[in-house]
N, C-alpha and C. Protein backbone atom coordinates (compact mmCIF):
# COMPACT_ATOMS: atom_id res chain seq x y z
N MET A 1 207.45 123.30 141.82
CA MET A 1 207.26 122.19 142.74
C MET A 1 205.94 121.49 142.41
N PHE A 2 206.00 120.20 142.25
CA PHE A 2 204.83 119.40 141.91
C PHE A 2 204.31 118.72 143.18
N LEU A 3 203.07 118.99 143.54
CA LEU A 3 202.46 118.36 144.70
C LEU A 3 201.63 117.18 144.24
N ASP A 4 201.79 116.04 144.90
CA ASP A 4 201.06 114.84 144.50
C ASP A 4 200.77 114.03 145.76
N ASP A 5 199.48 113.87 146.07
CA ASP A 5 199.12 113.08 147.25
C ASP A 5 198.62 111.69 146.86
N THR A 6 198.85 111.29 145.62
CA THR A 6 198.42 109.98 145.15
C THR A 6 199.52 108.96 145.42
N ALA A 7 199.13 107.84 146.00
CA ALA A 7 200.09 106.78 146.31
C ALA A 7 200.69 106.25 145.00
N PRO A 8 201.96 105.91 144.98
CA PRO A 8 202.62 105.44 143.75
C PRO A 8 201.91 104.25 143.10
N GLU A 9 201.40 103.30 143.90
CA GLU A 9 200.73 102.15 143.30
C GLU A 9 199.39 102.56 142.65
N VAL A 10 198.74 103.55 143.22
CA VAL A 10 197.50 104.05 142.62
C VAL A 10 197.83 104.80 141.33
N ARG A 11 198.87 105.60 141.37
CA ARG A 11 199.29 106.35 140.16
C ARG A 11 199.64 105.36 139.05
N ALA A 12 200.31 104.27 139.37
CA ALA A 12 200.66 103.25 138.37
C ALA A 12 199.40 102.65 137.75
N ARG A 13 198.38 102.37 138.57
CA ARG A 13 197.12 101.83 138.04
C ARG A 13 196.42 102.84 137.14
N GLN A 14 196.49 104.12 137.51
CA GLN A 14 195.89 105.16 136.67
C GLN A 14 196.56 105.19 135.30
N PHE A 15 197.88 105.14 135.29
CA PHE A 15 198.59 105.16 134.01
C PHE A 15 198.33 103.89 133.20
N ASP A 16 198.22 102.77 133.88
CA ASP A 16 197.86 101.53 133.17
C ASP A 16 196.51 101.67 132.49
N ARG A 17 195.55 102.21 133.20
CA ARG A 17 194.20 102.39 132.64
C ARG A 17 194.24 103.35 131.45
N LEU A 18 195.00 104.43 131.58
CA LEU A 18 195.12 105.37 130.46
C LEU A 18 195.72 104.69 129.23
N ARG A 19 196.72 103.85 129.44
CA ARG A 19 197.34 103.15 128.32
C ARG A 19 196.36 102.17 127.66
N GLN A 20 195.43 101.63 128.42
CA GLN A 20 194.45 100.68 127.89
C GLN A 20 193.32 101.36 127.12
N MET A 21 193.13 102.64 127.35
CA MET A 21 192.03 103.36 126.70
C MET A 21 192.32 103.53 125.22
N THR A 22 191.25 103.53 124.44
CA THR A 22 191.40 103.82 123.02
C THR A 22 191.65 105.31 122.83
N GLU A 23 192.09 105.66 121.65
CA GLU A 23 192.30 107.08 121.34
C GLU A 23 191.00 107.85 121.52
N GLY A 24 189.90 107.27 121.06
CA GLY A 24 188.60 107.92 121.19
C GLY A 24 188.20 108.13 122.64
N GLU A 25 188.49 107.15 123.48
CA GLU A 25 188.18 107.28 124.91
C GLU A 25 189.02 108.39 125.55
N ARG A 26 190.28 108.48 125.16
CA ARG A 26 191.14 109.54 125.70
C ARG A 26 190.68 110.91 125.23
N VAL A 27 190.29 111.01 123.97
CA VAL A 27 189.78 112.29 123.45
C VAL A 27 188.49 112.67 124.18
N ALA A 28 187.59 111.70 124.36
CA ALA A 28 186.33 111.98 125.07
C ALA A 28 186.60 112.44 126.49
N MET A 29 187.56 111.81 127.16
CA MET A 29 187.90 112.21 128.52
C MET A 29 188.47 113.63 128.54
N ALA A 30 189.34 113.94 127.60
CA ALA A 30 189.92 115.29 127.52
C ALA A 30 188.84 116.33 127.26
N MET A 31 187.89 115.99 126.38
CA MET A 31 186.81 116.93 126.09
C MET A 31 185.93 117.16 127.32
N GLU A 32 185.64 116.11 128.05
CA GLU A 32 184.83 116.24 129.26
C GLU A 32 185.56 117.04 130.32
N LEU A 33 186.85 116.80 130.50
CA LEU A 33 187.63 117.58 131.47
C LEU A 33 187.66 119.05 131.08
N THR A 34 187.77 119.34 129.79
CA THR A 34 187.75 120.72 129.31
C THR A 34 186.40 121.36 129.58
N ARG A 35 185.31 120.61 129.32
CA ARG A 35 183.96 121.13 129.57
C ARG A 35 183.78 121.47 131.05
N VAL A 36 184.23 120.58 131.92
CA VAL A 36 184.09 120.80 133.36
C VAL A 36 184.93 122.01 133.80
N ALA A 37 186.16 122.09 133.34
CA ALA A 37 187.03 123.22 133.71
C ALA A 37 186.44 124.54 133.23
N THR A 38 185.90 124.55 132.02
CA THR A 38 185.28 125.77 131.49
C THR A 38 184.07 126.16 132.34
N HIS A 39 183.22 125.18 132.65
CA HIS A 39 182.04 125.45 133.46
C HIS A 39 182.44 126.01 134.83
N LEU A 40 183.42 125.38 135.47
CA LEU A 40 183.84 125.83 136.80
C LEU A 40 184.46 127.22 136.75
N SER A 41 185.25 127.50 135.73
CA SER A 41 185.87 128.83 135.65
C SER A 41 184.83 129.90 135.37
N ARG A 42 183.83 129.59 134.54
CA ARG A 42 182.75 130.57 134.31
C ARG A 42 181.94 130.78 135.58
N GLN A 43 181.69 129.71 136.31
CA GLN A 43 180.95 129.82 137.57
C GLN A 43 181.72 130.70 138.56
N ALA A 44 183.04 130.53 138.61
CA ALA A 44 183.85 131.35 139.52
C ALA A 44 183.75 132.82 139.15
N VAL A 45 183.78 133.14 137.86
CA VAL A 45 183.63 134.53 137.42
C VAL A 45 182.24 135.01 137.78
N ARG A 46 181.23 134.20 137.54
CA ARG A 46 179.84 134.57 137.84
C ARG A 46 179.69 134.94 139.32
N GLU A 47 180.35 134.19 140.20
CA GLU A 47 180.25 134.44 141.64
C GLU A 47 180.91 135.77 142.05
N THR A 48 181.85 136.25 141.25
CA THR A 48 182.48 137.54 141.56
C THR A 48 181.69 138.71 141.02
N MET A 49 180.62 138.42 140.26
CA MET A 49 179.84 139.48 139.62
C MET A 49 178.34 139.31 139.92
N PRO A 50 177.97 139.39 141.20
CA PRO A 50 176.54 139.22 141.52
C PRO A 50 175.69 140.27 140.82
N GLY A 51 174.61 139.82 140.25
CA GLY A 51 173.69 140.73 139.57
C GLY A 51 174.07 141.05 138.13
N ALA A 52 175.23 140.60 137.68
CA ALA A 52 175.65 140.88 136.30
C ALA A 52 174.88 140.00 135.33
N SER A 53 174.71 140.50 134.13
CA SER A 53 174.06 139.70 133.10
C SER A 53 174.98 138.56 132.68
N GLU A 54 174.39 137.53 132.09
CA GLU A 54 175.20 136.41 131.60
C GLU A 54 176.19 136.89 130.54
N GLN A 55 175.78 137.85 129.73
CA GLN A 55 176.67 138.39 128.70
C GLN A 55 177.88 139.08 129.32
N ASP A 56 177.65 139.85 130.40
CA ASP A 56 178.76 140.52 131.07
C ASP A 56 179.70 139.51 131.72
N VAL A 57 179.13 138.46 132.29
CA VAL A 57 179.95 137.41 132.89
C VAL A 57 180.80 136.74 131.81
N LEU A 58 180.19 136.40 130.68
CA LEU A 58 180.93 135.75 129.61
C LEU A 58 182.02 136.66 129.04
N LEU A 59 181.72 137.94 128.93
CA LEU A 59 182.71 138.88 128.42
C LEU A 59 183.91 138.95 129.38
N ARG A 60 183.64 138.98 130.67
CA ARG A 60 184.73 138.99 131.65
C ARG A 60 185.52 137.68 131.59
N TRP A 61 184.81 136.56 131.42
CA TRP A 61 185.49 135.27 131.32
C TRP A 61 186.40 135.24 130.08
N ILE A 62 185.92 135.77 128.98
CA ILE A 62 186.73 135.86 127.76
C ILE A 62 187.98 136.68 128.03
N GLU A 63 187.81 137.81 128.73
CA GLU A 63 188.96 138.66 129.04
C GLU A 63 189.99 137.90 129.89
N LEU A 64 189.53 137.20 130.90
CA LEU A 64 190.44 136.47 131.77
C LEU A 64 191.08 135.27 131.08
N THR A 65 190.34 134.63 130.19
CA THR A 65 190.81 133.41 129.56
C THR A 65 191.66 133.68 128.32
N TYR A 66 191.20 134.60 127.49
CA TYR A 66 191.85 134.83 126.20
C TYR A 66 192.55 136.19 126.09
N GLY A 67 192.34 137.06 127.07
CA GLY A 67 193.03 138.34 127.07
C GLY A 67 192.13 139.52 126.76
N PRO A 68 192.57 140.69 127.19
CA PRO A 68 191.76 141.90 127.01
C PRO A 68 191.56 142.31 125.56
N GLU A 69 192.53 142.00 124.71
CA GLU A 69 192.40 142.40 123.30
C GLU A 69 191.20 141.69 122.65
N LEU A 70 191.09 140.39 122.87
CA LEU A 70 189.95 139.67 122.31
C LEU A 70 188.65 140.15 122.94
N ALA A 71 188.67 140.37 124.25
CA ALA A 71 187.45 140.83 124.93
C ALA A 71 186.99 142.17 124.36
N ARG A 72 187.93 143.06 124.08
CA ARG A 72 187.56 144.35 123.47
C ARG A 72 186.95 144.14 122.08
N GLY A 73 187.47 143.18 121.35
CA GLY A 73 186.93 142.90 120.02
C GLY A 73 185.54 142.29 120.06
N VAL A 74 185.26 141.52 121.10
CA VAL A 74 183.97 140.86 121.24
C VAL A 74 182.93 141.79 121.87
N ALA A 75 183.37 142.73 122.68
CA ALA A 75 182.47 143.59 123.45
C ALA A 75 181.34 144.21 122.62
N PRO A 76 181.59 144.71 121.40
CA PRO A 76 180.49 145.30 120.64
C PRO A 76 179.38 144.29 120.30
N PHE A 77 179.67 143.02 120.43
CA PHE A 77 178.70 141.98 120.08
C PHE A 77 178.23 141.21 121.32
N LYS A 78 178.42 141.79 122.50
CA LYS A 78 178.16 141.04 123.73
C LYS A 78 176.71 140.58 123.86
N GLU A 79 175.78 141.29 123.24
CA GLU A 79 174.39 140.87 123.34
C GLU A 79 174.16 139.51 122.67
N ARG A 80 175.08 139.09 121.85
CA ARG A 80 174.98 137.78 121.18
C ARG A 80 175.64 136.67 121.99
N LEU A 81 176.42 137.02 123.01
CA LEU A 81 177.13 136.02 123.79
C LEU A 81 176.15 135.09 124.49
N GLY A 82 176.48 133.82 124.47
CA GLY A 82 175.67 132.83 125.16
C GLY A 82 174.45 132.35 124.39
N ARG A 83 174.21 132.93 123.24
CA ARG A 83 173.08 132.50 122.41
C ARG A 83 173.55 131.44 121.44
N ALA A 84 172.73 130.45 121.26
CA ALA A 84 173.06 129.38 120.29
C ALA A 84 173.00 129.93 118.89
N THR A 85 173.88 129.45 118.05
CA THR A 85 173.86 129.85 116.64
C THR A 85 173.10 128.80 115.86
N PRO A 86 172.37 129.22 114.82
CA PRO A 86 171.60 128.24 114.03
C PRO A 86 172.50 127.33 113.23
């Protein structure tokens, strides 16, 4: 079941605007939406783990997002999580 509280005329304007956007604008919007969703999901995990290190939070987020198998593979390197690579 799809829930939608957007009025049909507003939805039509949204689709019109999307059609007018360049490919680059649509890609930029998708990347920004992905960044926001990732940030919010990590924040939600962080809130369930008060006092946990950022590495432990990221490891749990990896487990929830990509599965326990990947998280187990990353776990030995957790001290590197969240650090920028050169």
